[in-house]
PDB file of N, CA and C in Angstrom:
ATOM      1  N   MET A   1     119.953  75.590  99.299  1.00  0.00           N
ATOM      2  CA  MET A   1     118.930  76.562  99.623  1.00  0.00           C
ATOM      3  C   MET A   1     117.562  75.951  99.353  1.00  0.00           C
ATOM      4  N   LYS A   2     116.628  76.225 100.221  1.00  0.00           N
ATOM      5  CA  LYS A   2     115.230  75.841 100.043  1.00  0.00           C
ATOM      6  C   LYS A   2     114.401  77.123 100.014  1.00  0.00           C
ATOM      7  N   LEU A   3     113.453  77.169  99.117  1.00  0.00           N
ATOM      8  CA  LEU A   3     112.540  78.305  99.036  1.00  0.00           C
ATOM      9  C   LEU A   3     111.150  77.749  98.813  1.00  0.00           C
ATOM     10  N   ARG A   4     110.224  78.145  99.672  1.00  0.00           N
ATOM     11  CA  ARG A   4     108.839  77.699  99.488  1.00  0.00           C
ATOM     12  C   ARG A   4     107.888  78.765 100.002  1.00  0.00           C
ATOM     13  N   PHE A   5     106.652  78.623  99.605  1.00  0.00           N
ATOM     14  CA  PHE A   5     105.580  79.473 100.080  1.00  0.00           C
ATOM     15  C   PHE A   5     104.812  78.632 101.075  1.00  0.00           C
ATOM     16  N   ASP A   6     104.526  79.150 102.258  1.00  0.00           N
ATOM     17  CA  ASP A   6     103.929  78.343 103.319  1.00  0.00           C
ATOM     18  C   ASP A   6     102.856  79.151 104.037  1.00  0.00           C
ATOM     19  N   ARG A   7     102.092  78.482 104.865  1.00  0.00           N
ATOM     20  CA  ARG A   7     101.088  79.115 105.723  1.00  0.00           C
ATOM     21  C   ARG A   7     101.379  78.749 107.163  1.00  0.00           C
ATOM     22  N   GLY A   8     100.931  79.591 108.080  1.00  0.00           N
ATOM     23  CA  GLY A   8     101.133  79.289 109.487  1.00  0.00           C
ATOM     24  C   GLY A   8     100.525  80.348 110.376  1.00  0.00           C
ATOM     25  N   GLN A   9     100.883  80.256 111.640  1.00  0.00           N
ATOM     26  CA  GLN A   9     100.418  81.213 112.634  1.00  0.00           C
ATOM     27  C   GLN A   9     101.250  82.480 112.529  1.00  0.00           C
ATOM     28  N   PRO A  10     100.727  83.616 112.981  1.00  0.00           N
ATOM     29  CA  PRO A  10     101.502  84.860 112.963  1.00  0.00           C
ATOM     30  C   PRO A  10     102.846  84.670 113.677  1.00  0.00           C
ATOM     31  N   LEU A  11     103.856  85.364 113.189  1.00  0.00           N
ATOM     32  CA  LEU A  11     105.202  85.243 113.721  1.00  0.00           C
ATOM     33  C   LEU A  11     105.456  86.285 114.792  1.00  0.00           C
ATOM     34  N   GLY A  12     106.371  85.968 115.702  1.00  0.00           N
ATOM     35  CA  GLY A  12     106.727  86.885 116.777  1.00  0.00           C
ATOM     36  C   GLY A  12     108.188  86.734 117.149  1.00  0.00           C
ATOM     37  N   ALA A  13     108.585  87.319 118.273  1.00  0.00           N
ATOM     38  CA  ALA A  13     109.977  87.352 118.707  1.00  0.00           C
ATOM     39  C   ALA A  13     110.597  85.958 118.824  1.00  0.00           C
ATOM     40  N   ALA A  14     109.828  84.957 119.163  1.00  0.00           N
ATOM     41  CA  ALA A  14     110.360  83.596 119.281  1.00  0.00           C
ATOM     42  C   ALA A  14     110.744  83.006 117.919  1.00  0.00           C
ATOM     43  N   ASP A  15     110.328  83.662 116.840  1.00  0.00           N
ATOM     44  CA  ASP A  15     110.590  83.170 115.488  1.00  0.00           C
ATOM     45  C   ASP A  15     111.832  83.796 114.859  1.00  0.00           C
ATOM     46  N   GLY A  16     112.616  84.527 115.641  1.00  0.00           N
ATOM     47  CA  GLY A  16     113.845  85.107 115.133  1.00  0.00           C
ATOM     48  C   GLY A  16     113.880  86.605 115.296  1.00  0.00           C
ATOM     49  N   ARG A  17     114.919  87.198 114.699  1.00  0.00           N
ATOM     50  CA  ARG A  17     115.116  88.643 114.779  1.00  0.00           C
ATOM     51  C   ARG A  17     114.204  89.323 113.762  1.00  0.00           C
ATOM     52  N   PRO A  18     113.320  90.210 114.231  1.00  0.00           N
ATOM     53  CA  PRO A  18     112.432  90.907 113.296  1.00  0.00           C
ATOM     54  C   PRO A  18     113.197  91.922 112.457  1.00  0.00           C
ATOM     55  N   THR A  19     112.790  92.041 111.203  1.00  0.00           N
ATOM     56  CA  THR A  19     113.370  93.012 110.281  1.00  0.00           C
ATOM     57  C   THR A  19     112.341  93.296 109.192  1.00  0.00           C
ATOM     58  N   ARG A  20     112.706  94.086 108.210  1.00  0.00           N
ATOM     59  CA  ARG A  20     111.842  94.321 107.047  1.00  0.00           C
ATOM     60  C   ARG A  20     112.645  93.977 105.809  1.00  0.00           C
ATOM     61  N   LEU A  21     112.034  93.194 104.924  1.00  0.00           N
ATOM     62  CA  LEU A  21     112.661  92.809 103.663  1.00  0.00           C
ATOM     63  C   LEU A  21     111.656  93.038 102.547  1.00  0.00           C
ATOM     64  N   GLY A  22     112.074  93.712 101.498  1.00  0.00           N
ATOM     65  CA  GLY A  22     111.162  93.990 100.394  1.00  0.00           C
ATOM     66  C   GLY A  22     109.931  94.747 100.843  1.00  0.00           C
ATOM     67  N   GLY A  23     110.060  95.558 101.915  1.00  0.00           N
ATOM     68  CA  GLY A  23     108.938  96.325 102.440  1.00  0.00           C
ATOM     69  C   GLY A  23     107.962  95.514 103.275  1.00  0.00           C
ATOM     70  N   ARG A  24     108.362  94.307 103.662  1.00  0.00           N
ATOM     71  CA  ARG A  24     107.468  93.417 104.428  1.00  0.00           C
ATOM     72  C   ARG A  24     108.125  93.005 105.740  1.00  0.00           C
ATOM     73  N   ARG A  25     107.267  92.599 106.699  1.00  0.00           N
ATOM     74  CA  ARG A  25     107.781  92.071 107.970  1.00  0.00           C
ATOM     75  C   ARG A  25     108.490  90.753 107.688  1.00  0.00           C
ATOM     76  N   ALA A  26     109.622  90.545 108.348  1.00  0.00           N
ATOM     77  CA  ALA A  26     110.381  89.318 108.167  1.00  0.00           C
ATOM     78  C   ALA A  26     111.071  88.953 109.477  1.00  0.00           C
ATOM     79  N   PHE A  27     111.467  87.695 109.582  1.00  0.00           N
ATOM     80  CA  PHE A  27     112.142  87.188 110.768  1.00  0.00           C
ATOM     81  C   PHE A  27     113.314  86.324 110.331  1.00  0.00           C
ATOM     82  N   VAL A  28     114.497  86.619 110.869  1.00  0.00           N
ATOM     83  CA  VAL A  28     115.718  85.883 110.549  1.00  0.00           C
ATOM     84  C   VAL A  28     116.082  85.040 111.762  1.00  0.00           C
ATOM     85  N   GLN A  29     116.238  83.727 111.562  1.00  0.00           N
ATOM     86  CA  GLN A  29     116.473  82.808 112.677  1.00  0.00           C
ATOM     87  C   GLN A  29     117.682  81.919 112.391  1.00  0.00           C
ATOM     88  N   PRO A  30     118.856  82.253 112.978  1.00  0.00           N
ATOM     89  CA  PRO A  30     120.005  81.368 112.847  1.00  0.00           C
ATOM     90  C   PRO A  30     119.679  79.985 113.416  1.00  0.00           C
ATOM     91  N   ASP A  31     120.127  78.950 112.723  1.00  0.00           N
ATOM     92  CA  ASP A  31     119.882  77.558 113.123  1.00  0.00           C
ATOM     93  C   ASP A  31     118.396  77.236 113.225  1.00  0.00           C
ATOM     94  N   GLY A  32     117.567  77.980 112.506  1.00  0.00           N
ATOM     95  CA  GLY A  32     116.109  77.810 112.568  1.00  0.00           C
ATOM     96  C   GLY A  32     115.616  76.491 112.005  1.00  0.00           C
ATOM     97  N   GLU A  33     116.411  75.848 111.167  1.00  0.00           N
ATOM     98  CA  GLU A  33     116.059  74.532 110.619  1.00  0.00           C
ATOM     99  C   GLU A  33     117.116  73.504 111.001  1.00  0.00           C
ATOM    100  N   GLY A  34     117.792  73.728 112.130  1.00  0.00           N
ATOM    101  CA  GLY A  34     118.836  72.824 112.605  1.00  0.00           C
ATOM    102  C   GLY A  34     120.199  73.480 112.507  1.00  0.00           C
ATOM    103  N   ASP A  35     121.198  72.813 113.065  1.00  0.00           N
ATOM    104  CA  ASP A  35     122.556  73.337 113.044  1.00  0.00           C
ATOM    105  C   ASP A  35     123.011  73.580 111.616  1.00  0.00           C
ATOM    106  N   GLY A  36     123.740  74.660 111.429  1.00  0.00           N
ATOM    107  CA  GLY A  36     124.280  74.971 110.119  1.00  0.00           C
ATOM    108  C   GLY A  36     123.276  75.527 109.130  1.00  0.00           C
ATOM    109  N   THR A  37     122.188  76.110 109.639  1.00  0.00           N
ATOM    110  CA  THR A  37     121.162  76.686 108.759  1.00  0.00           C
ATOM    111  C   THR A  37     120.868  78.124 109.162  1.00  0.00           C
ATOM    112  N   CYS A  38     120.252  78.840 108.268  1.00  0.00           N
ATOM    113  CA  CYS A  38     119.647  80.136 108.586  1.00  0.00           C
ATOM    114  C   CYS A  38     118.280  80.164 107.914  1.00  0.00           C
ATOM    115  N   LEU A  39     117.261  80.437 108.680  1.00  0.00           N
ATOM    116  CA  LEU A  39     115.879  80.473 108.215  1.00  0.00           C
ATOM    117  C   LEU A  39     115.400  81.919 108.179  1.00  0.00           C
ATOM    118  N   VAL A  40     114.831  82.316 107.043  1.00  0.00           N
ATOM    119  CA  VAL A  40     114.215  83.639 106.920  1.00  0.00           C
ATOM    120  C   VAL A  40     112.765  83.435 106.497  1.00  0.00           C
ATOM    121  N   ARG A  41     111.849  84.022 107.248  1.00  0.00           N
ATOM    122  CA  ARG A  41     110.425  83.985 106.907  1.00  0.00           C
ATOM    123  C   ARG A  41     109.955  85.408 106.639  1.00  0.00           C
ATOM    124  N   VAL A  42     109.325  85.604 105.490  1.00  0.00           N
ATOM    125  CA  VAL A  42     108.818  86.913 105.084  1.00  0.00           C
ATOM    126  C   VAL A  42     107.295  86.820 105.006  1.00  0.00           C
ATOM    127  N   VAL A  43     106.600  87.689 105.720  1.00  0.00           N
ATOM    128  CA  VAL A  43     105.141  87.672 105.736  1.00  0.00           C
ATOM    129  C   VAL A  43     104.617  88.261 104.430  1.00  0.00           C
ATOM    130  N   HIS A  44     103.850  87.463 103.696  1.00  0.00           N
ATOM    131  CA  HIS A  44     103.229  87.934 102.457  1.00  0.00           C
ATOM    132  C   HIS A  44     101.899  88.625 102.756  1.00  0.00           C
ATOM    133  N   ARG A  45     101.039  87.934 103.501  1.00  0.00           N
ATOM    134  CA  ARG A  45      99.751  88.549 103.865  1.00  0.00           C
ATOM    135  C   ARG A  45      99.183  87.851 105.086  1.00  0.00           C
ATOM    136  N   SER A  46      98.330  88.569 105.795  1.00  0.00           N
ATOM    137  CA  SER A  46      97.596  88.029 106.940  1.00  0.00           C
ATOM    138  C   SER A  46      96.162  87.776 106.512  1.00  0.00           C
ATOM    139  N   TYR A  47      95.528  86.793 107.120  1.00  0.00           N
ATOM    140  CA  TYR A  47      94.131  86.473 106.809  1.00  0.00           C
ATOM    141  C   TYR A  47      93.534  85.700 107.976  1.00  0.00           C
ATOM    142  N   ALA A  48      92.237  85.502 107.961  1.00  0.00           N
ATOM    143  CA  ALA A  48      91.553  84.679 108.966  1.00  0.00           C
ATOM    144  C   ALA A  48      91.396  83.279 108.391  1.00  0.00           C
ATOM    145  N   ASP A  49      91.825  82.266 109.146  1.00  0.00           N
ATOM    146  CA  ASP A  49      91.704  80.894 108.662  1.00  0.00           C
ATOM    147  C   ASP A  49      90.258  80.403 108.770  1.00  0.00           C
ATOM    148  N   GLN A  50      90.031  79.117 108.483  1.00  0.00           N
ATOM    149  CA  GLN A  50      88.675  78.566 108.465  1.00  0.00           C
ATOM    150  C   GLN A  50      87.981  78.631 109.824  1.00  0.00           C
ATOM    151  N   ASN A  51      88.761  78.803 110.905  1.00  0.00           N
ATOM    152  CA  ASN A  51      88.188  78.928 112.243  1.00  0.00           C
ATOM    153  C   ASN A  51      88.107  80.377 112.708  1.00  0.00           C
ATOM    154  N   GLY A  52      88.423  81.309 111.821  1.00  0.00           N
ATOM    155  CA  GLY A  52      88.397  82.717 112.172  1.00  0.00           C
ATOM    156  C   GLY A  52      89.633  83.177 112.934  1.00  0.00           C
ATOM    157  N   GLU A  53      90.654  82.309 113.037  1.00  0.00           N
ATOM    158  CA  GLU A  53      91.894  82.644 113.747  1.00  0.00           C
ATOM    159  C   GLU A  53      92.854  83.364 112.800  1.00  0.00           C
ATOM    160  N   ASP A  54      93.714  84.210 113.368  1.00  0.00           N
ATOM    161  CA  ASP A  54      94.724  84.889 112.567  1.00  0.00           C
ATOM    162  C   ASP A  54      95.700  83.875 111.988  1.00  0.00           C
ATOM    163  N   ALA A  55      96.059  84.066 110.733  1.00  0.00           N
ATOM    164  CA  ALA A  55      97.028  83.209 110.053  1.00  0.00           C
ATOM    165  C   ALA A  55      97.791  84.070 109.048  1.00  0.00           C
ATOM    166  N   ILE A  56      98.897  83.517 108.540  1.00  0.00           N
ATOM    167  CA  ILE A  56      99.687  84.243 107.547  1.00  0.00           C
ATOM    168  C   ILE A  56     100.096  83.317 106.410  1.00  0.00           C
ATOM    169  N   GLU A  57     100.345  83.926 105.262  1.00  0.00           N
ATOM    170  CA  GLU A  57     101.050  83.266 104.173  1.00  0.00           C
ATOM    171  C   GLU A  57     102.433  83.886 104.162  1.00  0.00           C
ATOM    172  N   MET A  58     103.462  83.059 103.942  1.00  0.00           N
ATOM    173  CA  MET A  58     104.821  83.565 104.031  1.00  0.00           C
ATOM    174  C   MET A  58     105.749  82.920 103.025  1.00  0.00           C
ATOM    175  N   LEU A  59     106.792  83.644 102.715  1.00  0.00           N
ATOM    176  CA  LEU A  59     107.920  83.135 101.971  1.00  0.00           C
ATOM    177  C   LEU A  59     108.849  82.519 103.007  1.00  0.00           C
ATOM    178  N   PHE A  60     109.297  81.303 102.778  1.00  0.00           N
ATOM    179  CA  PHE A  60     110.082  80.530 103.736  1.00  0.00           C
ATOM    180  C   PHE A  60     111.377  80.149 103.033  1.00  0.00           C
ATOM    181  N   LEU A  61     112.518  80.709 103.472  1.00  0.00           N
ATOM    182  CA  LEU A  61     113.790  80.475 102.807  1.00  0.00           C
ATOM    183  C   LEU A  61     114.821  79.952 103.799  1.00  0.00           C
ATOM    184  N   VAL A  62     115.519  78.870 103.437  1.00  0.00           N
ATOM    185  CA  VAL A  62     116.552  78.274 104.290  1.00  0.00           C
ATOM    186  C   VAL A  62     117.848  78.164 103.493  1.00  0.00           C
ATOM    187  N   VAL A  63     118.929  78.640 104.087  1.00  0.00           N
ATOM    188  CA  VAL A  63     120.268  78.415 103.545  1.00  0.00           C
ATOM    189  C   VAL A  63     120.977  77.491 104.516  1.00  0.00           C
ATOM    190  N   GLN A  64     121.631  76.460 103.972  1.00  0.00           N
ATOM    191  CA  GLN A  64     122.317  75.469 104.797  1.00  0.00           C
ATOM    192  C   GLN A  64     123.682  75.191 104.197  1.00  0.00           C
ATOM    193  N   GLY A  65     124.663  74.961 105.051  1.00  0.00           N
ATOM    194  CA  GLY A  65     125.983  74.630 104.550  1.00  0.00           C
ATOM    195  C   GLY A  65     127.019  74.660 105.642  1.00  0.00           C
ATOM    196  N   SER A  66     128.273  74.661 105.210  1.00  0.00           N
ATOM    197  CA  SER A  66     129.371  74.592 106.165  1.00  0.00           C
ATOM    198  C   SER A  66     129.894  75.967 106.571  1.00  0.00           C
ATOM    199  N   ALA A  67     129.444  77.029 105.925  1.00  0.00           N
ATOM    200  CA  ALA A  67     129.874  78.381 106.299  1.00  0.00           C
ATOM    201  C   ALA A  67     129.341  78.726 107.683  1.00  0.00           C
ATOM    202  N   GLU A  68     129.970  79.704 108.332  1.00  0.00           N
ATOM    203  CA  GLU A  68     129.479  80.093 109.655  1.00  0.00           C
ATOM    204  C   GLU A  68     128.083  80.690 109.535  1.00  0.00           C
ATOM    205  N   THR A  69     127.341  80.595 110.603  1.00  0.00           N
ATOM    206  CA  THR A  69     125.935  80.995 110.607  1.00  0.00           C
ATOM    207  C   THR A  69     125.750  82.448 110.177  1.00  0.00           C
ATOM    208  N   ARG A  70     126.635  83.326 110.611  1.00  0.00           N
ATOM    209  CA  ARG A  70     126.516  84.746 110.247  1.00  0.00           C
ATOM    210  C   ARG A  70     126.570  84.915 108.727  1.00  0.00           C
ATOM    211  N   THR A  71     127.460  84.180 108.071  1.00  0.00           N
ATOM    212  CA  THR A  71     127.584  84.242 106.614  1.00  0.00           C
ATOM    213  C   THR A  71     126.334  83.694 105.951  1.00  0.00           C
ATOM    214  N   GLN A  72     125.823  82.584 106.465  1.00  0.00           N
ATOM    215  CA  GLN A  72     124.592  81.995 105.913  1.00  0.00           C
ATOM    216  C   GLN A  72     123.420  82.946 106.069  1.00  0.00           C
ATOM    217  N   CYS A  73     123.308  83.596 107.219  1.00  0.00           N
ATOM    218  CA  CYS A  73     122.183  84.521 107.436  1.00  0.00           C
ATOM    219  C   CYS A  73     122.304  85.755 106.559  1.00  0.00           C
ATOM    220  N   SER A  74     123.505  86.199 106.293  1.00  0.00           N
ATOM    221  CA  SER A  74     123.684  87.323 105.379  1.00  0.00           C
ATOM    222  C   SER A  74     123.212  86.938 103.980  1.00  0.00           C
ATOM    223  N   MET A  75     123.599  85.759 103.516  1.00  0.00           N
ATOM    224  CA  MET A  75     123.174  85.281 102.201  1.00  0.00           C
ATOM    225  C   MET A  75     121.662  85.071 102.168  1.00  0.00           C
ATOM    226  N   ALA A  76     121.119  84.433 103.196  1.00  0.00           N
ATOM    227  CA  ALA A  76     119.680  84.158 103.251  1.00  0.00           C
ATOM    228  C   ALA A  76     118.879  85.456 103.252  1.00  0.00           C
ATOM    229  N   THR A  77     119.352  86.456 103.974  1.00  0.00           N
ATOM    230  CA  THR A  77     118.653  87.736 104.040  1.00  0.00           C
ATOM    231  C   THR A  77     118.656  88.435 102.684  1.00  0.00           C
ATOM    232  N   ARG A  78     119.796  88.427 101.990  1.00  0.00           N
ATOM    233  CA  ARG A  78     119.856  89.037 100.656  1.00  0.00           C
ATOM    234  C   ARG A  78     118.918  88.325  99.685  1.00  0.00           C
ATOM    235  N   LEU A  79     118.927  86.991  99.691  1.00  0.00           N
ATOM    236  CA  LEU A  79     118.056  86.230  98.792  1.00  0.00           C
ATOM    237  C   LEU A  79     116.579  86.469  99.110  1.00  0.00           C
ATOM    238  N   ALA A  80     116.235  86.451 100.403  1.00  0.00           N
ATOM    239  CA  ALA A  80     114.843  86.666 100.810  1.00  0.00           C
ATOM    240  C   ALA A  80     114.386  88.077 100.469  1.00  0.00           C
ATOM    241  N   ASN A  81     115.276  89.061 100.589  1.00  0.00           N
ATOM    242  CA  ASN A  81     114.923  90.433 100.246  1.00  0.00           C
ATOM    243  C   ASN A  81     114.574  90.527  98.759  1.00  0.00           C
ATOM    244  N   SER A  82     115.358  89.892  97.924  1.00  0.00           N
ATOM    245  CA  SER A  82     115.091  89.892  96.482  1.00  0.00           C
ATOM    246  C   SER A  82     113.767  89.195  96.169  1.00  0.00           C
ATOM    247  N   ALA A  83     113.551  88.036  96.775  1.00  0.00           N
ATOM    248  CA  ALA A  83     112.318  87.287  96.541  1.00  0.00           C
ATOM    249  C   ALA A  83     111.100  88.057  97.065  1.00  0.00           C
ATOM    250  N   ALA A  84     111.239  88.684  98.230  1.00  0.00           N
ATOM    251  CA  ALA A  84     110.120  89.439  98.809  1.00  0.00           C
ATOM    252  C   ALA A  84     109.741  90.617  97.921  1.00  0.00           C
ATOM    253  N   GLY A  85     110.724  91.243  97.302  1.00  0.00           N
ATOM    254  CA  GLY A  85     110.445  92.364  96.419  1.00  0.00           C
ATOM    255  C   GLY A  85     109.654  91.970  95.183  1.00  0.00           C
ATOM    256  N   ALA A  86     109.722  90.679  94.823  1.00  0.00           N
ATOM    257  CA  ALA A  86     108.999  90.193  93.640  1.00  0.00           C
ATOM    258  C   ALA A  86     107.594  89.681  93.964  1.00  0.00           C
ATOM    259  N   LEU A  87     107.253  89.594  95.254  1.00  0.00           N
ATOM    260  CA  LEU A  87     105.912  89.118  95.617  1.00  0.00           C
ATOM    261  C   LEU A  87     104.860  90.145  95.225  1.00  0.00           C
ATOM    262  N   PRO A  88     103.691  89.685  94.794  1.00  0.00           N
ATOM    263  CA  PRO A  88     102.614  90.642  94.501  1.00  0.00           C
ATOM    264  C   PRO A  88     102.122  91.282  95.805  1.00  0.00           C
ATOM    265  N   ARG A  89     101.646  92.477  95.689  1.00  0.00           N
ATOM    266  CA  ARG A  89     101.077  93.156  96.874  1.00  0.00           C
ATOM    267  C   ARG A  89      99.727  92.548  97.176  1.00  0.00           C
ATOM    268  N   PRO A  90      99.473  92.259  98.454  1.00  0.00           N
ATOM    269  CA  PRO A  90      98.161  91.661  98.814  1.00  0.00           C
ATOM    270  C   PRO A  90      97.019  92.632  98.617  1.00  0.00           C
TER     271      PRO A  90
END
């Protein structure tokens, strides 16, 4: 499992299945980091970057292994939900 805090562009339908975790917008993407992975991104907060463009800070969680993707995404979603619930409110 990998867990990090990252920045990027706002997320949309191309970034996976939208859901809510820990009361926040999130996206679950099977094979999002390559075969045998499940990627979950949880939006922490939105802000304007140095160019005035929309950007986000997010929790970025990847589960990888030999289990089927559905099992990995179930585990990744549970872990991301717990982590998202511990994030401070923006």
